[in-house]
Amino acid sequence: MLKRILMLDDNQDILDIVKEILLYEQFEVKIISDSKNFIATLINYRPDLIILDYKLNGPNGDDICRQIKTDSRFCDIPVIICSAYLNNDDILACGCDATIAKPFGLEELLDKVNGLVCS
């Protein structure tokens, strides 16, 4: 069974590139660029891993991560936050399972993804 990844980023180019790489690596991938219906998408898609951009239009990735990690329905789903602002203490305090600095290499992304969903 394919591992399911849900990715939220407001940069469509990043979403498209990451989706292609993850599909090539045999993951099932759903990408969204708007945080408004994120929880509904999360409920319906039931991913094995979530990748969030930190800086979003609307709630930031750390706020969404806190919401995920405090909800008993989702708290066991690993979350990766991608950000150019990794020295921000809010990112580390939100409960994410990993961080990736933007810009990131695809090998680093795959290492983090595989480490969280294939362990």
PDB file of N, CA and C in Angstrom:
ATOM      1  N   MET A   1       0.835  -1.187   0.000  1.00  0.00           N
ATOM      2  CA  MET A   1       0.000   0.000   0.000  1.00  0.00           C
ATOM      3  C   MET A   1       0.876   1.246   0.000  1.00  0.00           C
ATOM      4  N   LEU A   2       0.534   2.185  -0.868  1.00  0.00           N
ATOM      5  CA  LEU A   2       1.315   3.410  -0.971  1.00  0.00           C
ATOM      6  C   LEU A   2       1.128   4.286   0.257  1.00  0.00           C
ATOM      7  N   LYS A   3       2.213   4.902   0.690  1.00  0.00           N
ATOM      8  CA  LYS A   3       2.143   5.877   1.777  1.00  0.00           C
ATOM      9  C   LYS A   3       1.602   7.185   1.219  1.00  0.00           C
ATOM     10  N   ARG A   4       0.708   7.805   1.977  1.00  0.00           N
ATOM     11  CA  ARG A   4       0.026   9.016   1.536  1.00  0.00           C
ATOM     12  C   ARG A   4       0.638  10.253   2.170  1.00  0.00           C
ATOM     13  N   ILE A   5       0.938  11.233   1.325  1.00  0.00           N
ATOM     14  CA  ILE A   5       1.531  12.482   1.787  1.00  0.00           C
ATOM     15  C   ILE A   5       0.629  13.639   1.393  1.00  0.00           C
ATOM     16  N   LEU A   6       0.369  14.518   2.361  1.00  0.00           N
ATOM     17  CA  LEU A   6      -0.401  15.732   2.132  1.00  0.00           C
ATOM     18  C   LEU A   6       0.548  16.911   2.287  1.00  0.00           C
ATOM     19  N   MET A   7       0.603  17.768   1.259  1.00  0.00           N
ATOM     20  CA  MET A   7       1.501  18.916   1.299  1.00  0.00           C
ATOM     21  C   MET A   7       0.728  20.204   1.100  1.00  0.00           C
ATOM     22  N   LEU A   8       1.003  21.182   1.981  1.00  0.00           N
ATOM     23  CA  LEU A   8       0.408  22.514   1.904  1.00  0.00           C
ATOM     24  C   LEU A   8       1.514  23.541   1.729  1.00  0.00           C
ATOM     25  N   ASP A   9       1.442  24.275   0.618  1.00  0.00           N
ATOM     26  CA  ASP A   9       2.392  25.351   0.341  1.00  0.00           C
ATOM     27  C   ASP A   9       1.669  26.336  -0.561  1.00  0.00           C
ATOM     28  N   ASP A  10       1.932  27.632  -0.413  1.00  0.00           N
ATOM     29  CA  ASP A  10       1.263  28.590  -1.284  1.00  0.00           C
ATOM     30  C   ASP A  10       2.062  28.894  -2.548  1.00  0.00           C
ATOM     31  N   ASN A  11       3.161  28.182  -2.755  1.00  0.00           N
ATOM     32  CA  ASN A  11       3.956  28.310  -3.979  1.00  0.00           C
ATOM     33  C   ASN A  11       3.664  27.106  -4.876  1.00  0.00           C
ATOM     34  N   GLN A  12       2.932  27.332  -5.957  1.00  0.00           N
ATOM     35  CA  GLN A  12       2.517  26.237  -6.824  1.00  0.00           C
ATOM     36  C   GLN A  12       3.707  25.529  -7.468  1.00  0.00           C
ATOM     37  N   ASP A  13       4.782  26.255  -7.779  1.00  0.00           N
ATOM     38  CA  ASP A  13       5.966  25.631  -8.383  1.00  0.00           C
ATOM     39  C   ASP A  13       6.579  24.597  -7.436  1.00  0.00           C
ATOM     40  N   ILE A  14       6.688  24.959  -6.159  1.00  0.00           N
ATOM     41  CA  ILE A  14       7.231  24.023  -5.170  1.00  0.00           C
ATOM     42  C   ILE A  14       6.317  22.810  -5.052  1.00  0.00           C
ATOM     43  N   LEU A  15       5.010  23.049  -4.981  1.00  0.00           N
ATOM     44  CA  LEU A  15       4.060  21.933  -4.897  1.00  0.00           C
ATOM     45  C   LEU A  15       4.218  20.980  -6.077  1.00  0.00           C
ATOM     46  N   ASP A  16       4.296  21.528  -7.268  1.00  0.00           N
ATOM     47  CA  ASP A  16       4.386  20.691  -8.471  1.00  0.00           C
ATOM     48  C   ASP A  16       5.674  19.873  -8.502  1.00  0.00           C
ATOM     49  N   ILE A  17       6.789  20.499  -8.170  1.00  0.00           N
ATOM     50  CA  ILE A  17       8.077  19.793  -8.189  1.00  0.00           C
ATOM     51  C   ILE A  17       8.105  18.687  -7.142  1.00  0.00           C
ATOM     52  N   VAL A  18       7.717  19.022  -5.911  1.00  0.00           N
ATOM     53  CA  VAL A  18       7.737  18.024  -4.833  1.00  0.00           C
ATOM     54  C   VAL A  18       6.778  16.880  -5.144  1.00  0.00           C
ATOM     55  N   LYS A  19       5.616  17.206  -5.683  1.00  0.00           N
ATOM     56  CA  LYS A  19       4.654  16.155  -6.033  1.00  0.00           C
ATOM     57  C   LYS A  19       5.256  15.182  -7.045  1.00  0.00           C
ATOM     58  N   GLU A  20       5.879  15.708  -8.082  1.00  0.00           N
ATOM     59  CA  GLU A  20       6.472  14.838  -9.104  1.00  0.00           C
ATOM     60  C   GLU A  20       7.548  13.929  -8.510  1.00  0.00           C
ATOM     61  N   ILE A  21       8.396  14.487  -7.665  1.00  0.00           N
ATOM     62  CA  ILE A  21       9.467  13.693  -7.036  1.00  0.00           C
ATOM     63  C   ILE A  21       8.872  12.605  -6.149  1.00  0.00           C
ATOM     64  N   LEU A  22       7.891  12.955  -5.337  1.00  0.00           N
ATOM     65  CA  LEU A  22       7.300  11.973  -4.425  1.00  0.00           C
ATOM     66  C   LEU A  22       6.502  10.906  -5.185  1.00  0.00           C
ATOM     67  N   LEU A  23       5.822  11.292  -6.248  1.00  0.00           N
ATOM     68  CA  LEU A  23       5.127  10.297  -7.072  1.00  0.00           C
ATOM     69  C   LEU A  23       6.132   9.323  -7.692  1.00  0.00           C
ATOM     70  N   TYR A  24       7.245   9.864  -8.171  1.00  0.00           N
ATOM     71  CA  TYR A  24       8.296   9.028  -8.747  1.00  0.00           C
ATOM     72  C   TYR A  24       8.842   8.035  -7.718  1.00  0.00           C
ATOM     73  N   GLU A  25       8.866   8.455  -6.459  1.00  0.00           N
ATOM     74  CA  GLU A  25       9.367   7.604  -5.374  1.00  0.00           C
ATOM     75  C   GLU A  25       8.279   6.686  -4.810  1.00  0.00           C
ATOM     76  N   GLN A  26       7.158   6.597  -5.503  1.00  0.00           N
ATOM     77  CA  GLN A  26       6.070   5.668  -5.168  1.00  0.00           C
ATOM     78  C   GLN A  26       5.254   6.069  -3.942  1.00  0.00           C
ATOM     79  N   PHE A  27       5.088   7.365  -3.732  1.00  0.00           N
ATOM     80  CA  PHE A  27       4.183   7.854  -2.713  1.00  0.00           C
ATOM     81  C   PHE A  27       2.899   8.324  -3.391  1.00  0.00           C
ATOM     82  N   GLU A  28       1.799   8.268  -2.672  1.00  0.00           N
ATOM     83  CA  GLU A  28       0.567   8.907  -3.122  1.00  0.00           C
ATOM     84  C   GLU A  28       0.594  10.313  -2.545  1.00  0.00           C
ATOM     85  N   VAL A  29       0.318  11.323  -3.369  1.00  0.00           N
ATOM     86  CA  VAL A  29       0.519  12.708  -2.952  1.00  0.00           C
ATOM     87  C   VAL A  29      -0.706  13.553  -3.260  1.00  0.00           C
ATOM     88  N   LYS A  30      -1.112  14.349  -2.271  1.00  0.00           N
ATOM     89  CA  LYS A  30      -2.155  15.365  -2.469  1.00  0.00           C
ATOM     90  C   LYS A  30      -1.542  16.700  -2.100  1.00  0.00           C
ATOM     91  N   ILE A  31      -1.643  17.665  -3.014  1.00  0.00           N
ATOM     92  CA  ILE A  31      -1.096  18.998  -2.759  1.00  0.00           C
ATOM     93  C   ILE A  31      -2.236  20.000  -2.695  1.00  0.00           C
ATOM     94  N   ILE A  32      -2.089  20.963  -1.786  1.00  0.00           N
ATOM     95  CA  ILE A  32      -3.045  22.059  -1.696  1.00  0.00           C
ATOM     96  C   ILE A  32      -2.279  23.361  -1.444  1.00  0.00           C
ATOM     97  N   SER A  33      -2.841  24.447  -1.968  1.00  0.00           N
ATOM     98  CA  SER A  33      -2.147  25.736  -1.853  1.00  0.00           C
ATOM     99  C   SER A  33      -2.889  26.725  -0.962  1.00  0.00           C
ATOM    100  N   ASP A  34      -4.003  26.299  -0.381  1.00  0.00           N
ATOM    101  CA  ASP A  34      -4.797  27.190   0.458  1.00  0.00           C
ATOM    102  C   ASP A  34      -5.095  26.489   1.782  1.00  0.00           C
ATOM    103  N   SER A  35      -4.821  27.168   2.870  1.00  0.00           N
ATOM    104  CA  SER A  35      -4.989  26.551   4.194  1.00  0.00           C
ATOM    105  C   SER A  35      -6.432  26.562   4.682  1.00  0.00           C
ATOM    106  N   LYS A  36      -7.345  27.238   3.970  1.00  0.00           N
ATOM    107  CA  LYS A  36      -8.716  27.397   4.466  1.00  0.00           C
ATOM    108  C   LYS A  36      -9.406  26.063   4.763  1.00  0.00           C
ATOM    109  N   ASN A  37      -9.287  25.094   3.895  1.00  0.00           N
ATOM    110  CA  ASN A  37      -9.966  23.815   4.075  1.00  0.00           C
ATOM    111  C   ASN A  37      -8.999  22.696   4.442  1.00  0.00           C
ATOM    112  N   PHE A  38      -7.890  23.069   5.072  1.00  0.00           N
ATOM    113  CA  PHE A  38      -6.857  22.070   5.349  1.00  0.00           C
ATOM    114  C   PHE A  38      -7.365  20.931   6.237  1.00  0.00           C
ATOM    115  N   ILE A  39      -8.053  21.246   7.316  1.00  0.00           N
ATOM    116  CA  ILE A  39      -8.507  20.196   8.243  1.00  0.00           C
ATOM    117  C   ILE A  39      -9.517  19.276   7.556  1.00  0.00           C
ATOM    118  N   ALA A  40     -10.398  19.825   6.751  1.00  0.00           N
ATOM    119  CA  ALA A  40     -11.342  18.975   6.005  1.00  0.00           C
ATOM    120  C   ALA A  40     -10.598  18.050   5.055  1.00  0.00           C
ATOM    121  N   THR A  41      -9.576  18.577   4.396  1.00  0.00           N
ATOM    122  CA  THR A  41      -8.761  17.748   3.498  1.00  0.00           C
ATOM    123  C   THR A  41      -8.041  16.677   4.292  1.00  0.00           C
ATOM    124  N   LEU A  42      -7.510  17.045   5.439  1.00  0.00           N
ATOM    125  CA  LEU A  42      -6.822  16.099   6.314  1.00  0.00           C
ATOM    126  C   LEU A  42      -7.755  14.963   6.739  1.00  0.00           C
ATOM    127  N   ILE A  43      -8.964  15.305   7.117  1.00  0.00           N
ATOM    128  CA  ILE A  43      -9.940  14.289   7.540  1.00  0.00           C
ATOM    129  C   ILE A  43     -10.269  13.338   6.391  1.00  0.00           C
ATOM    130  N   ASN A  44     -10.469  13.883   5.207  1.00  0.00           N
ATOM    131  CA  ASN A  44     -10.858  13.057   4.060  1.00  0.00           C
ATOM    132  C   ASN A  44      -9.706  12.258   3.472  1.00  0.00           C
ATOM    133  N   TYR A  45      -8.512  12.813   3.476  1.00  0.00           N
ATOM    134  CA  TYR A  45      -7.362  12.159   2.820  1.00  0.00           C
ATOM    135  C   TYR A  45      -6.633  11.174   3.726  1.00  0.00           C
ATOM    136  N   ARG A  46      -6.591  11.436   5.013  1.00  0.00           N
ATOM    137  CA  ARG A  46      -5.917  10.575   6.008  1.00  0.00           C
ATOM    138  C   ARG A  46      -4.477  10.239   5.605  1.00  0.00           C
ATOM    139  N   PRO A  47      -3.610  11.242   5.556  1.00  0.00           N
ATOM    140  CA  PRO A  47      -2.228  11.013   5.123  1.00  0.00           C
ATOM    141  C   PRO A  47      -1.389  10.288   6.176  1.00  0.00           C
ATOM    142  N   ASP A  48      -0.285   9.728   5.724  1.00  0.00           N
ATOM    143  CA  ASP A  48       0.710   9.121   6.604  1.00  0.00           C
ATOM    144  C   ASP A  48       1.756  10.156   7.016  1.00  0.00           C
ATOM    145  N   LEU A  49       1.802  11.283   6.289  1.00  0.00           N
ATOM    146  CA  LEU A  49       2.780  12.344   6.546  1.00  0.00           C
ATOM    147  C   LEU A  49       2.217  13.649   6.019  1.00  0.00           C
ATOM    148  N   ILE A  50       2.524  14.746   6.721  1.00  0.00           N
ATOM    149  CA  ILE A  50       2.105  16.081   6.298  1.00  0.00           C
ATOM    150  C   ILE A  50       3.353  16.941   6.133  1.00  0.00           C
ATOM    151  N   ILE A  51       3.405  17.672   5.018  1.00  0.00           N
ATOM    152  CA  ILE A  51       4.480  18.641   4.776  1.00  0.00           C
ATOM    153  C   ILE A  51       3.824  20.017   4.707  1.00  0.00           C
ATOM    154  N   LEU A  52       4.273  20.929   5.578  1.00  0.00           N
ATOM    155  CA  LEU A  52       3.695  22.271   5.653  1.00  0.00           C
ATOM    156  C   LEU A  52       4.742  23.328   5.384  1.00  0.00           C
ATOM    157  N   ASP A  53       4.376  24.319   4.591  1.00  0.00           N
ATOM    158  CA  ASP A  53       5.187  25.516   4.481  1.00  0.00           C
ATOM    159  C   ASP A  53       4.967  26.317   5.759  1.00  0.00           C
ATOM    160  N   TYR A  54       5.986  27.011   6.225  1.00  0.00           N
ATOM    161  CA  TYR A  54       5.835  27.808   7.439  1.00  0.00           C
ATOM    162  C   TYR A  54       5.069  29.106   7.161  1.00  0.00           C
ATOM    163  N   LYS A  55       5.491  29.839   6.161  1.00  0.00           N
ATOM    164  CA  LYS A  55       4.913  31.149   5.852  1.00  0.00           C
ATOM    165  C   LYS A  55       3.813  30.978   4.819  1.00  0.00           C
ATOM    166  N   LEU A  56       2.563  31.076   5.262  1.00  0.00           N
ATOM    167  CA  LEU A  56       1.402  30.883   4.397  1.00  0.00           C
ATOM    168  C   LEU A  56       0.495  32.104   4.446  1.00  0.00           C
ATOM    169  N   ASN A  57      -0.345  32.244   3.454  1.00  0.00           N
ATOM    170  CA  ASN A  57      -1.421  33.233   3.514  1.00  0.00           C
ATOM    171  C   ASN A  57      -2.473  32.644   4.435  1.00  0.00           C
ATOM    172  N   GLY A  58      -2.765  33.317   5.523  1.00  0.00           N
ATOM    173  CA  GLY A  58      -3.658  32.754   6.531  1.00  0.00           C
ATOM    174  C   GLY A  58      -2.822  32.233   7.686  1.00  0.00           C
ATOM    175  N   PRO A  59      -3.299  31.182   8.364  1.00  0.00           N
ATOM    176  CA  PRO A  59      -2.515  30.647   9.481  1.00  0.00           C
ATOM    177  C   PRO A  59      -1.158  30.124   8.994  1.00  0.00           C
ATOM    178  N   ASN A  60      -0.125  30.355   9.773  1.00  0.00           N
ATOM    179  CA  ASN A  60       1.197  29.839   9.430  1.00  0.00           C
ATOM    180  C   ASN A  60       1.268  28.342   9.681  1.00  0.00           C
ATOM    181  N   GLY A  61       2.281  27.726   9.101  1.00  0.00           N
ATOM    182  CA  GLY A  61       2.465  26.288   9.245  1.00  0.00           C
ATOM    183  C   GLY A  61       2.609  25.839  10.685  1.00  0.00           C
ATOM    184  N   ASP A  62       3.242  26.669  11.536  1.00  0.00           N
ATOM    185  CA  ASP A  62       3.387  26.267  12.935  1.00  0.00           C
ATOM    186  C   ASP A  62       2.040  26.252  13.645  1.00  0.00           C
ATOM    187  N   ASP A  63       1.138  27.183  13.289  1.00  0.00           N
ATOM    188  CA  ASP A  63      -0.201  27.181  13.885  1.00  0.00           C
ATOM    189  C   ASP A  63      -0.987  25.941  13.451  1.00  0.00           C
ATOM    190  N   ILE A  64      -0.877  25.590  12.194  1.00  0.00           N
ATOM    191  CA  ILE A  64      -1.560  24.393  11.681  1.00  0.00           C
ATOM    192  C   ILE A  64      -0.974  23.144  12.325  1.00  0.00           C
ATOM    193  N   CYS A  65       0.341  23.118  12.490  1.00  0.00           N
ATOM    194  CA  CYS A  65       0.994  21.971  13.129  1.00  0.00           C
ATOM    195  C   CYS A  65       0.507  21.813  14.566  1.00  0.00           C
ATOM    196  N   ARG A  66       0.412  22.914  15.307  1.00  0.00           N
ATOM    197  CA  ARG A  66      -0.104  22.845  16.683  1.00  0.00           C
ATOM    198  C   ARG A  66      -1.512  22.267  16.710  1.00  0.00           C
ATOM    199  N   GLN A  67      -2.332  22.686  15.765  1.00  0.00           N
ATOM    200  CA  GLN A  67      -3.701  22.192  15.676  1.00  0.00           C
ATOM    201  C   GLN A  67      -3.705  20.680  15.410  1.00  0.00           C
ATOM    202  N   ILE A  68      -2.835  20.233  14.527  1.00  0.00           N
ATOM    203  CA  ILE A  68      -2.731  18.798  14.212  1.00  0.00           C
ATOM    204  C   ILE A  68      -2.264  18.022  15.440  1.00  0.00           C
ATOM    205  N   LYS A  69      -1.223  18.514  16.078  1.00  0.00           N
ATOM    206  CA  LYS A  69      -0.588  17.769  17.175  1.00  0.00           C
ATOM    207  C   LYS A  69      -1.418  17.769  18.456  1.00  0.00           C
ATOM    208  N   THR A  70      -2.394  18.667  18.570  1.00  0.00           N
ATOM    209  CA  THR A  70      -3.249  18.670  19.759  1.00  0.00           C
ATOM    210  C   THR A  70      -4.598  17.996  19.512  1.00  0.00           C
ATOM    211  N   ASP A  71      -4.801  17.489  18.321  1.00  0.00           N
ATOM    212  CA  ASP A  71      -6.049  16.810  17.975  1.00  0.00           C
ATOM    213  C   ASP A  71      -5.810  15.300  18.004  1.00  0.00           C
ATOM    214  N   SER A  72      -6.533  14.592  18.843  1.00  0.00           N
ATOM    215  CA  SER A  72      -6.294  13.149  19.015  1.00  0.00           C
ATOM    216  C   SER A  72      -6.498  12.358  17.720  1.00  0.00           C
ATOM    217  N   ARG A  73      -7.231  12.901  16.771  1.00  0.00           N
ATOM    218  CA  ARG A  73      -7.433  12.197  15.495  1.00  0.00           C
ATOM    219  C   ARG A  73      -6.200  12.233  14.618  1.00  0.00           C
ATOM    220  N   PHE A  74      -5.342  13.228  14.812  1.00  0.00           N
ATOM    221  CA  PHE A  74      -4.220  13.433  13.900  1.00  0.00           C
ATOM    222  C   PHE A  74      -2.855  13.463  14.564  1.00  0.00           C
ATOM    223  N   CYS A  75      -2.792  13.481  15.876  1.00  0.00           N
ATOM    224  CA  CYS A  75      -1.537  13.770  16.571  1.00  0.00           C
ATOM    225  C   CYS A  75      -0.418  12.781  16.261  1.00  0.00           C
ATOM    226  N   ASP A  76      -0.759  11.593  15.771  1.00  0.00           N
ATOM    227  CA  ASP A  76       0.276  10.607  15.458  1.00  0.00           C
ATOM    228  C   ASP A  76       0.810  10.739  14.037  1.00  0.00           C
ATOM    229  N   ILE A  77       0.284  11.665  13.245  1.00  0.00           N
ATOM    230  CA  ILE A  77       0.768  11.864  11.880  1.00  0.00           C
ATOM    231  C   ILE A  77       2.007  12.751  11.927  1.00  0.00           C
ATOM    232  N   PRO A  78       3.143  12.269  11.385  1.00  0.00           N
ATOM    233  CA  PRO A  78       4.352  13.101  11.371  1.00  0.00           C
ATOM    234  C   PRO A  78       4.161  14.351  10.506  1.00  0.00           C
ATOM    235  N   VAL A  79       4.763  15.453  10.969  1.00  0.00           N
ATOM    236  CA  VAL A  79       4.675  16.730  10.265  1.00  0.00           C
ATOM    237  C   VAL A  79       6.083  17.251  10.007  1.00  0.00           C
ATOM    238  N   ILE A  80       6.336  17.630   8.753  1.00  0.00           N
ATOM    239  CA  ILE A  80       7.571  18.321   8.368  1.00  0.00           C
ATOM    240  C   ILE A  80       7.197  19.756   8.035  1.00  0.00           C
ATOM    241  N   ILE A  81       7.934  20.711   8.597  1.00  0.00           N
ATOM    242  CA  ILE A  81       7.738  22.117   8.241  1.00  0.00           C
ATOM    243  C   ILE A  81       8.927  22.576   7.406  1.00  0.00           C
ATOM    244  N   CYS A  82       8.607  23.177   6.255  1.00  0.00           N
ATOM    245  CA  CYS A  82       9.616  23.737   5.357  1.00  0.00           C
ATOM    246  C   CYS A  82       9.623  25.246   5.525  1.00  0.00           C
ATOM    247  N   SER A  83      10.813  25.818   5.682  1.00  0.00           N
ATOM    248  CA  SER A  83      10.850  27.257   5.921  1.00  0.00           C
ATOM    249  C   SER A  83      12.221  27.852   5.652  1.00  0.00           C
ATOM    250  N   ALA A  84      12.203  29.101   5.223  1.00  0.00           N
ATOM    251  CA  ALA A  84      13.434  29.875   5.143  1.00  0.00           C
ATOM    252  C   ALA A  84      13.735  30.526   6.486  1.00  0.00           C
ATOM    253  N   TYR A  85      12.844  30.333   7.462  1.00  0.00           N
ATOM    254  CA  TYR A  85      12.938  30.986   8.779  1.00  0.00           C
ATOM    255  C   TYR A  85      13.159  29.967   9.893  1.00  0.00           C
ATOM    256  N   LEU A  86      14.037  29.023   9.708  1.00  0.00           N
ATOM    257  CA  LEU A  86      14.180  27.934  10.673  1.00  0.00           C
ATOM    258  C   LEU A  86      14.717  28.360  12.026  1.00  0.00           C
ATOM    259  N   ASN A  87      15.336  29.527  12.146  1.00  0.00           N
ATOM    260  CA  ASN A  87      15.804  29.944  13.465  1.00  0.00           C
ATOM    261  C   ASN A  87      14.691  30.595  14.275  1.00  0.00           C
ATOM    262  N   ASN A  88      13.483  30.569  13.779  1.00  0.00           N
ATOM    263  CA  ASN A  88      12.324  31.075  14.523  1.00  0.00           C
ATOM    264  C   ASN A  88      11.918  30.020  15.557  1.00  0.00           C
ATOM    265  N   ASP A  89      11.905  30.388  16.825  1.00  0.00           N
ATOM    266  CA  ASP A  89      11.594  29.435  17.891  1.00  0.00           C
ATOM    267  C   ASP A  89      10.177  28.868  17.795  1.00  0.00           C
ATOM    268  N   ASP A  90       9.255  29.613  17.200  1.00  0.00           N
ATOM    269  CA  ASP A  90       7.882  29.129  17.048  1.00  0.00           C
ATOM    270  C   ASP A  90       7.821  27.838  16.243  1.00  0.00           C
ATOM    271  N   ILE A  91       8.682  27.720  15.266  1.00  0.00           N
ATOM    272  CA  ILE A  91       8.675  26.518  14.423  1.00  0.00           C
ATOM    273  C   ILE A  91       8.983  25.298  15.272  1.00  0.00           C
ATOM    274  N   LEU A  92      10.012  25.374  16.077  1.00  0.00           N
ATOM    275  CA  LEU A  92      10.421  24.213  16.870  1.00  0.00           C
ATOM    276  C   LEU A  92       9.445  23.931  18.007  1.00  0.00           C
ATOM    277  N   ALA A  93       8.749  24.962  18.479  1.00  0.00           N
ATOM    278  CA  ALA A  93       7.828  24.795  19.604  1.00  0.00           C
ATOM    279  C   ALA A  93       6.469  24.222  19.189  1.00  0.00           C
ATOM    280  N   CYS A  94       6.218  24.082  17.900  1.00  0.00           N
ATOM    281  CA  CYS A  94       4.886  23.677  17.450  1.00  0.00           C
ATOM    282  C   CYS A  94       4.663  22.166  17.483  1.00  0.00           C
ATOM    283  N   GLY A  95       5.729  21.395  17.724  1.00  0.00           N
ATOM    284  CA  GLY A  95       5.566  19.953  17.797  1.00  0.00           C
ATOM    285  C   GLY A  95       5.857  19.212  16.512  1.00  0.00           C
ATOM    286  N   CYS A  96       6.405  19.888  15.510  1.00  0.00           N
ATOM    287  CA  CYS A  96       6.701  19.212  14.245  1.00  0.00           C
ATOM    288  C   CYS A  96       7.747  18.121  14.477  1.00  0.00           C
ATOM    289  N   ASP A  97       7.724  17.133  13.595  1.00  0.00           N
ATOM    290  CA  ASP A  97       8.638  15.997  13.713  1.00  0.00           C
ATOM    291  C   ASP A  97       9.960  16.232  13.003  1.00  0.00           C
ATOM    292  N   ALA A  98       9.969  17.177  12.051  1.00  0.00           N
ATOM    293  CA  ALA A  98      11.195  17.512  11.326  1.00  0.00           C
ATOM    294  C   ALA A  98      11.016  18.874  10.678  1.00  0.00           C
ATOM    295  N   THR A  99      12.146  19.493  10.339  1.00  0.00           N
ATOM    296  CA  THR A  99      12.141  20.753   9.599  1.00  0.00           C
ATOM    297  C   THR A  99      13.080  20.618   8.414  1.00  0.00           C
ATOM    298  N   ILE A 100      12.788  21.389   7.391  1.00  0.00           N
ATOM    299  CA  ILE A 100      13.665  21.451   6.219  1.00  0.00           C
ATOM    300  C   ILE A 100      13.809  22.922   5.861  1.00  0.00           C
ATOM    301  N   ALA A 101      15.059  23.367   5.698  1.00  0.00           N
ATOM    302  CA  ALA A 101      15.323  24.759   5.341  1.00  0.00           C
ATOM    303  C   ALA A 101      15.083  24.970   3.848  1.00  0.00           C
ATOM    304  N   LYS A 102      14.376  26.052   3.525  1.00  0.00           N
ATOM    305  CA  LYS A 102      14.204  26.445   2.124  1.00  0.00           C
ATOM    306  C   LYS A 102      15.331  27.387   1.756  1.00  0.00           C
ATOM    307  N   PRO A 103      15.889  27.277   0.582  1.00  0.00           N
ATOM    308  CA  PRO A 103      15.600  26.253  -0.423  1.00  0.00           C
ATOM    309  C   PRO A 103      16.196  24.914   0.010  1.00  0.00           C
ATOM    310  N   PHE A 104      15.529  23.832  -0.340  1.00  0.00           N
ATOM    311  CA  PHE A 104      16.007  22.517   0.065  1.00  0.00           C
ATOM    312  C   PHE A 104      16.317  21.671  -1.159  1.00  0.00           C
ATOM    313  N   GLY A 105      17.202  20.708  -0.925  1.00  0.00           N
ATOM    314  CA  GLY A 105      17.521  19.756  -1.974  1.00  0.00           C
ATOM    315  C   GLY A 105      16.523  18.610  -1.932  1.00  0.00           C
ATOM    316  N   LEU A 106      16.266  18.038  -3.066  1.00  0.00           N
ATOM    317  CA  LEU A 106      15.292  16.952  -3.135  1.00  0.00           C
ATOM    318  C   LEU A 106      15.769  15.711  -2.388  1.00  0.00           C
ATOM    319  N   GLU A 107      17.069  15.498  -2.348  1.00  0.00           N
ATOM    320  CA  GLU A 107      17.596  14.351  -1.599  1.00  0.00           C
ATOM    321  C   GLU A 107      17.330  14.527  -0.098  1.00  0.00           C
ATOM    322  N   GLU A 108      17.515  15.740   0.407  1.00  0.00           N
ATOM    323  CA  GLU A 108      17.222  16.014   1.820  1.00  0.00           C
ATOM    324  C   GLU A 108      15.743  15.779   2.114  1.00  0.00           C
ATOM    325  N   LEU A 109      14.876  16.248   1.226  1.00  0.00           N
ATOM    326  CA  LEU A 109      13.443  16.038   1.396  1.00  0.00           C
ATOM    327  C   LEU A 109      13.117  14.550   1.439  1.00  0.00           C
ATOM    328  N   LEU A 110      13.640  13.800   0.498  1.00  0.00           N
ATOM    329  CA  LEU A 110      13.360  12.353   0.464  1.00  0.00           C
ATOM    330  C   LEU A 110      13.905  11.643   1.694  1.00  0.00           C
ATOM    331  N   ASP A 111      15.072  12.050   2.168  1.00  0.00           N
ATOM    332  CA  ASP A 111      15.622  11.446   3.396  1.00  0.00           C
ATOM    333  C   ASP A 111      14.689  11.684   4.585  1.00  0.00           C
ATOM    334  N   LYS A 112      14.187  12.903   4.732  1.00  0.00           N
ATOM    335  CA  LYS A 112      13.292  13.212   5.857  1.00  0.00           C
ATOM    336  C   LYS A 112      11.974  12.454   5.712  1.00  0.00           C
ATOM    337  N   VAL A 113      11.406  12.457   4.503  1.00  0.00           N
ATOM    338  CA  VAL A 113      10.135  11.770   4.262  1.00  0.00           C
ATOM    339  C   VAL A 113      10.287  10.280   4.554  1.00  0.00           C
ATOM    340  N   ASN A 114      11.288   9.660   3.970  1.00  0.00           N
ATOM    341  CA  ASN A 114      11.502   8.223   4.187  1.00  0.00           C
ATOM    342  C   ASN A 114      11.791   7.905   5.640  1.00  0.00           C
ATOM    343  N   GLY A 115      12.515   8.774   6.324  1.00  0.00           N
ATOM    344  CA  GLY A 115      12.811   8.548   7.730  1.00  0.00           C
ATOM    345  C   GLY A 115      11.566   8.571   8.613  1.00  0.00           C
ATOM    346  N   LEU A 116      10.568   9.331   8.209  1.00  0.00           N
ATOM    347  CA  LEU A 116       9.359   9.451   9.017  1.00  0.00           C
ATOM    348  C   LEU A 116       8.259   8.449   8.644  1.00  0.00           C
ATOM    349  N   VAL A 117       8.169   8.059   7.388  1.00  0.00           N
ATOM    350  CA  VAL A 117       7.061   7.167   6.995  1.00  0.00           C
ATOM    351  C   VAL A 117       7.489   5.735   6.741  1.00  0.00           C
ATOM    352  N   CYS A 118       8.775   5.503   6.622  1.00  0.00           N
ATOM    353  CA  CYS A 118       9.234   4.140   6.307  1.00  0.00           C
ATOM    354  C   CYS A 118       9.975   3.503   7.462  1.00  0.00           C
ATOM    355  N   SER A 119       9.901   4.127   8.636  1.00  0.00           N
ATOM    356  CA  SER A 119      10.631   3.571   9.791  1.00  0.00           C
ATOM    357  C   SER A 119       9.767   2.617  10.589  1.00  0.00           C
TER     358      SER A 119
END
